[in-house]
Amino acid sequence: MDDQSRLHAVVEGTVQGVGFRQFVIMTAVDLDLTGWVRNTYEGNVEVVAEGRPDVLDMLLSALHRGPRHAYVTNVRFNYETASGEFDSCNVRSTV
């Protein structure tokens, strides 16, 4: 667990209705990360992922790109201590 970290990110732009959450899930699974993704009522996508810091950096890079029809204008993010509470990556309800 010592080599694990947590990425908390909020992706802004045209990120809802373009498959962004599924893109995050597929990317996280490919990278062997755990956590969750959800839409926010403000029109953003929020992501929490845990894994090795170098792999989280790969996810962060993917968040800046997004899927084909997304237009990302900003990604606010910070790294936190991993909790180890997740065993998979899933979509959560909008908040």
N, C-alpha and C. Protein backbone atom coordinates (compact mmCIF):
# COMPACT_ATOMS: atom_id res chain seq x y z
N MET A 1 0.83 -1.20 0.00
CA MET A 1 0.00 0.00 0.00
C MET A 1 0.87 1.25 0.00
N ASP A 2 2.11 1.14 0.45
CA ASP A 2 2.98 2.31 0.53
C ASP A 2 3.23 2.95 -0.82
N ASP A 3 3.17 2.16 -1.88
CA ASP A 3 3.44 2.70 -3.21
C ASP A 3 2.17 3.19 -3.89
N GLN A 4 1.08 3.29 -3.14
CA GLN A 4 -0.21 3.71 -3.70
C GLN A 4 -0.50 5.17 -3.36
N SER A 5 -1.23 5.82 -4.26
CA SER A 5 -1.65 7.19 -4.05
C SER A 5 -3.08 7.31 -4.56
N ARG A 6 -3.70 8.47 -4.31
CA ARG A 6 -5.06 8.73 -4.78
C ARG A 6 -5.06 10.01 -5.60
N LEU A 7 -5.70 9.94 -6.75
CA LEU A 7 -5.92 11.11 -7.60
C LEU A 7 -7.37 11.51 -7.46
N HIS A 8 -7.61 12.79 -7.15
CA HIS A 8 -8.97 13.34 -7.13
C HIS A 8 -8.99 14.44 -8.17
N ALA A 9 -9.84 14.28 -9.20
CA ALA A 9 -9.87 15.23 -10.30
C ALA A 9 -11.29 15.63 -10.65
N VAL A 10 -11.44 16.88 -11.09
CA VAL A 10 -12.70 17.37 -11.63
C VAL A 10 -12.40 17.88 -13.03
N VAL A 11 -13.06 17.26 -14.02
CA VAL A 11 -12.83 17.59 -15.42
C VAL A 11 -13.93 18.53 -15.89
N GLU A 12 -13.52 19.67 -16.46
CA GLU A 12 -14.46 20.69 -16.91
C GLU A 12 -14.46 20.77 -18.43
N GLY A 13 -15.57 21.24 -18.99
CA GLY A 13 -15.70 21.40 -20.43
C GLY A 13 -16.94 20.67 -20.93
N THR A 14 -16.91 20.23 -22.18
CA THR A 14 -17.99 19.42 -22.73
C THR A 14 -17.65 17.98 -22.40
N VAL A 15 -18.09 17.54 -21.23
CA VAL A 15 -17.67 16.24 -20.72
C VAL A 15 -18.85 15.35 -20.30
N GLN A 16 -20.07 15.86 -20.45
CA GLN A 16 -21.24 15.03 -20.16
C GLN A 16 -21.97 14.75 -21.46
N GLY A 17 -22.49 13.53 -21.58
CA GLY A 17 -23.21 13.13 -22.79
C GLY A 17 -22.29 12.77 -23.95
N VAL A 18 -21.01 12.57 -23.66
CA VAL A 18 -20.03 12.24 -24.70
C VAL A 18 -19.26 10.96 -24.39
N GLY A 19 -19.75 10.18 -23.41
CA GLY A 19 -19.09 8.93 -23.06
C GLY A 19 -17.88 9.08 -22.15
N PHE A 20 -17.79 10.20 -21.46
CA PHE A 20 -16.60 10.46 -20.64
C PHE A 20 -16.47 9.48 -19.47
N ARG A 21 -17.58 9.20 -18.80
CA ARG A 21 -17.49 8.28 -17.66
C ARG A 21 -17.04 6.89 -18.10
N GLN A 22 -17.60 6.40 -19.21
CA GLN A 22 -17.19 5.09 -19.71
C GLN A 22 -15.72 5.11 -20.14
N PHE A 23 -15.29 6.21 -20.74
CA PHE A 23 -13.88 6.38 -21.12
C PHE A 23 -12.98 6.27 -19.88
N VAL A 24 -13.39 6.91 -18.79
CA VAL A 24 -12.60 6.85 -17.55
C VAL A 24 -12.55 5.42 -17.02
N ILE A 25 -13.69 4.75 -16.99
CA ILE A 25 -13.73 3.37 -16.49
C ILE A 25 -12.82 2.48 -17.33
N MET A 26 -12.93 2.56 -18.65
CA MET A 26 -12.12 1.71 -19.53
C MET A 26 -10.63 2.00 -19.34
N THR A 27 -10.27 3.28 -19.23
CA THR A 27 -8.88 3.66 -19.05
C THR A 27 -8.36 3.17 -17.70
N ALA A 28 -9.15 3.36 -16.64
CA ALA A 28 -8.74 2.94 -15.30
C ALA A 28 -8.57 1.42 -15.24
N VAL A 29 -9.47 0.69 -15.85
CA VAL A 29 -9.36 -0.78 -15.85
C VAL A 29 -8.12 -1.20 -16.61
N ASP A 30 -7.88 -0.58 -17.76
CA ASP A 30 -6.67 -0.89 -18.54
C ASP A 30 -5.40 -0.62 -17.74
N LEU A 31 -5.44 0.41 -16.88
CA LEU A 31 -4.28 0.78 -16.08
C LEU A 31 -4.25 0.08 -14.72
N ASP A 32 -5.23 -0.77 -14.46
CA ASP A 32 -5.32 -1.51 -13.19
C ASP A 32 -5.48 -0.58 -12.00
N LEU A 33 -6.30 0.46 -12.15
CA LEU A 33 -6.60 1.39 -11.08
C LEU A 33 -7.97 1.07 -10.49
N THR A 34 -8.21 1.53 -9.28
CA THR A 34 -9.52 1.38 -8.65
C THR A 34 -10.06 2.76 -8.31
N GLY A 35 -11.38 2.84 -8.07
CA GLY A 35 -11.98 4.11 -7.70
C GLY A 35 -13.36 4.28 -8.30
N TRP A 36 -13.71 5.53 -8.62
CA TRP A 36 -15.03 5.81 -9.18
C TRP A 36 -15.01 7.08 -10.02
N VAL A 37 -16.10 7.23 -10.79
CA VAL A 37 -16.30 8.42 -11.63
C VAL A 37 -17.78 8.78 -11.57
N ARG A 38 -18.09 10.07 -11.62
CA ARG A 38 -19.49 10.49 -11.64
C ARG A 38 -19.62 11.87 -12.28
N ASN A 39 -20.83 12.14 -12.78
CA ASN A 39 -21.15 13.48 -13.26
C ASN A 39 -21.48 14.35 -12.06
N THR A 40 -21.32 15.66 -12.23
CA THR A 40 -21.77 16.61 -11.21
C THR A 40 -22.88 17.46 -11.82
N TYR A 41 -23.71 18.00 -10.97
CA TYR A 41 -24.81 18.85 -11.46
C TYR A 41 -24.30 20.13 -12.11
N GLU A 42 -23.04 20.49 -11.87
CA GLU A 42 -22.45 21.67 -12.50
C GLU A 42 -22.01 21.39 -13.94
N GLY A 43 -22.13 20.13 -14.38
CA GLY A 43 -21.76 19.79 -15.75
C GLY A 43 -20.35 19.25 -15.89
N ASN A 44 -19.70 18.94 -14.78
CA ASN A 44 -18.35 18.40 -14.79
C ASN A 44 -18.37 16.90 -14.59
N VAL A 45 -17.19 16.29 -14.65
CA VAL A 45 -17.02 14.88 -14.31
C VAL A 45 -15.98 14.81 -13.20
N GLU A 46 -16.33 14.11 -12.11
CA GLU A 46 -15.44 13.96 -10.97
C GLU A 46 -14.87 12.55 -10.97
N VAL A 47 -13.58 12.45 -10.69
CA VAL A 47 -12.89 11.16 -10.72
C VAL A 47 -12.07 10.99 -9.44
N VAL A 48 -12.17 9.82 -8.84
CA VAL A 48 -11.29 9.43 -7.74
C VAL A 48 -10.68 8.09 -8.15
N ALA A 49 -9.36 8.02 -8.18
CA ALA A 49 -8.69 6.78 -8.56
C ALA A 49 -7.50 6.54 -7.65
N GLU A 50 -7.25 5.26 -7.38
CA GLU A 50 -6.10 4.88 -6.57
C GLU A 50 -5.22 3.90 -7.32
N GLY A 51 -3.91 4.05 -7.10
CA GLY A 51 -2.94 3.17 -7.73
C GLY A 51 -1.55 3.77 -7.58
N ARG A 52 -0.61 3.22 -8.33
CA ARG A 52 0.76 3.75 -8.29
C ARG A 52 0.78 5.17 -8.86
N PRO A 53 1.57 6.07 -8.28
CA PRO A 53 1.62 7.46 -8.75
C PRO A 53 1.93 7.61 -10.24
N ASP A 54 2.86 6.81 -10.77
CA ASP A 54 3.19 6.94 -12.19
C ASP A 54 2.03 6.52 -13.08
N VAL A 55 1.23 5.56 -12.62
CA VAL A 55 0.07 5.12 -13.39
C VAL A 55 -1.06 6.15 -13.27
N LEU A 56 -1.21 6.76 -12.10
CA LEU A 56 -2.19 7.84 -11.94
C LEU A 56 -1.87 9.01 -12.87
N ASP A 57 -0.59 9.27 -13.08
CA ASP A 57 -0.19 10.31 -14.02
C ASP A 57 -0.67 9.99 -15.43
N MET A 58 -0.67 8.70 -15.79
CA MET A 58 -1.17 8.29 -17.11
C MET A 58 -2.67 8.55 -17.21
N LEU A 59 -3.40 8.26 -16.14
CA LEU A 59 -4.83 8.54 -16.13
C LEU A 59 -5.06 10.04 -16.24
N LEU A 60 -4.31 10.82 -15.50
CA LEU A 60 -4.46 12.28 -15.55
C LEU A 60 -4.24 12.80 -16.97
N SER A 61 -3.26 12.28 -17.65
CA SER A 61 -3.01 12.66 -19.04
C SER A 61 -4.21 12.32 -19.91
N ALA A 62 -4.80 11.15 -19.69
CA ALA A 62 -5.98 10.73 -20.45
C ALA A 62 -7.17 11.64 -20.16
N LEU A 63 -7.31 12.09 -18.89
CA LEU A 63 -8.40 12.99 -18.54
C LEU A 63 -8.31 14.31 -19.30
N HIS A 64 -7.11 14.77 -19.55
CA HIS A 64 -6.93 16.01 -20.32
C HIS A 64 -7.37 15.85 -21.77
N ARG A 65 -7.26 14.63 -22.30
CA ARG A 65 -7.68 14.35 -23.68
C ARG A 65 -9.17 14.03 -23.76
N GLY A 66 -9.60 13.07 -22.94
CA GLY A 66 -10.98 12.62 -22.97
C GLY A 66 -11.29 11.80 -24.20
N PRO A 67 -12.54 11.33 -24.32
CA PRO A 67 -12.95 10.59 -25.51
C PRO A 67 -13.13 11.53 -26.70
N ARG A 68 -13.36 10.97 -27.84
CA ARG A 68 -13.38 11.72 -29.10
C ARG A 68 -14.27 12.96 -29.09
N HIS A 69 -15.49 12.85 -28.57
CA HIS A 69 -16.43 13.97 -28.67
C HIS A 69 -16.38 14.93 -27.47
N ALA A 70 -15.49 14.69 -26.54
CA ALA A 70 -15.34 15.58 -25.39
C ALA A 70 -14.46 16.77 -25.77
N TYR A 71 -14.68 17.86 -25.05
CA TYR A 71 -13.82 19.04 -25.19
C TYR A 71 -13.46 19.47 -23.77
N VAL A 72 -12.27 19.10 -23.34
CA VAL A 72 -11.82 19.39 -21.98
C VAL A 72 -11.20 20.78 -21.94
N THR A 73 -11.73 21.64 -21.05
CA THR A 73 -11.19 22.99 -20.90
C THR A 73 -10.27 23.12 -19.70
N ASN A 74 -10.47 22.25 -18.69
CA ASN A 74 -9.65 22.34 -17.48
C ASN A 74 -9.79 21.04 -16.69
N VAL A 75 -8.71 20.66 -16.01
CA VAL A 75 -8.75 19.54 -15.08
C VAL A 75 -8.16 20.03 -13.76
N ARG A 76 -9.02 20.16 -12.76
CA ARG A 76 -8.55 20.51 -11.42
C ARG A 76 -8.25 19.20 -10.72
N PHE A 77 -7.08 19.08 -10.10
CA PHE A 77 -6.73 17.80 -9.49
C PHE A 77 -5.79 18.00 -8.31
N ASN A 78 -5.77 16.99 -7.46
CA ASN A 78 -4.77 16.92 -6.40
C ASN A 78 -4.54 15.45 -6.06
N TYR A 79 -3.38 15.20 -5.49
CA TYR A 79 -3.03 13.86 -5.05
C TYR A 79 -3.21 13.79 -3.54
N GLU A 80 -3.73 12.65 -3.10
CA GLU A 80 -4.01 12.43 -1.69
C GLU A 80 -3.44 11.08 -1.27
N THR A 81 -3.55 10.77 -0.01
CA THR A 81 -3.15 9.47 0.49
C THR A 81 -4.18 8.43 0.09
N ALA A 82 -3.75 7.30 -0.43
CA ALA A 82 -4.66 6.23 -0.81
C ALA A 82 -5.28 5.61 0.43
N SER A 83 -6.56 5.23 0.33
CA SER A 83 -7.25 4.60 1.45
C SER A 83 -7.31 3.08 1.29
N GLY A 84 -7.20 2.60 0.06
CA GLY A 84 -7.32 1.17 -0.19
C GLY A 84 -8.74 0.65 -0.09
N GLU A 85 -9.72 1.56 -0.10
CA GLU A 85 -11.12 1.16 0.11
C GLU A 85 -11.79 0.58 -1.13
N PHE A 86 -11.21 0.73 -2.30
CA PHE A 86 -11.85 0.29 -3.54
C PHE A 86 -11.27 -1.05 -4.01
N ASP A 87 -12.13 -1.87 -4.59
CA ASP A 87 -11.64 -3.11 -5.18
C ASP A 87 -11.92 -3.16 -6.68
N SER A 88 -12.54 -2.11 -7.21
CA SER A 88 -12.81 -2.02 -8.64
C SER A 88 -12.99 -0.55 -9.00
N CYS A 89 -13.38 -0.30 -10.23
CA CYS A 89 -13.66 1.07 -10.68
C CYS A 89 -15.09 1.08 -11.20
N ASN A 90 -15.90 2.03 -10.72
CA ASN A 90 -17.31 2.06 -11.13
C ASN A 90 -17.84 3.46 -11.26
N VAL A 91 -19.04 3.55 -11.82
CA VAL A 91 -19.74 4.82 -11.98
C VAL A 91 -20.64 5.04 -10.77
N ARG A 92 -20.57 6.23 -10.21
CA ARG A 92 -21.44 6.60 -9.09
C ARG A 92 -22.51 7.56 -9.55
N SER A 93 -23.50 7.76 -8.71
CA SER A 93 -24.60 8.65 -9.02
C SER A 93 -24.15 10.10 -9.09
N THR A 94 -24.83 10.88 -9.90
CA THR A 94 -24.54 12.31 -10.04
C THR A 94 -24.74 13.02 -8.71
N VAL A 95 -23.85 13.99 -8.43
CA VAL A 95 -23.98 14.82 -7.22
C VAL A 95 -23.91 16.27 -7.59
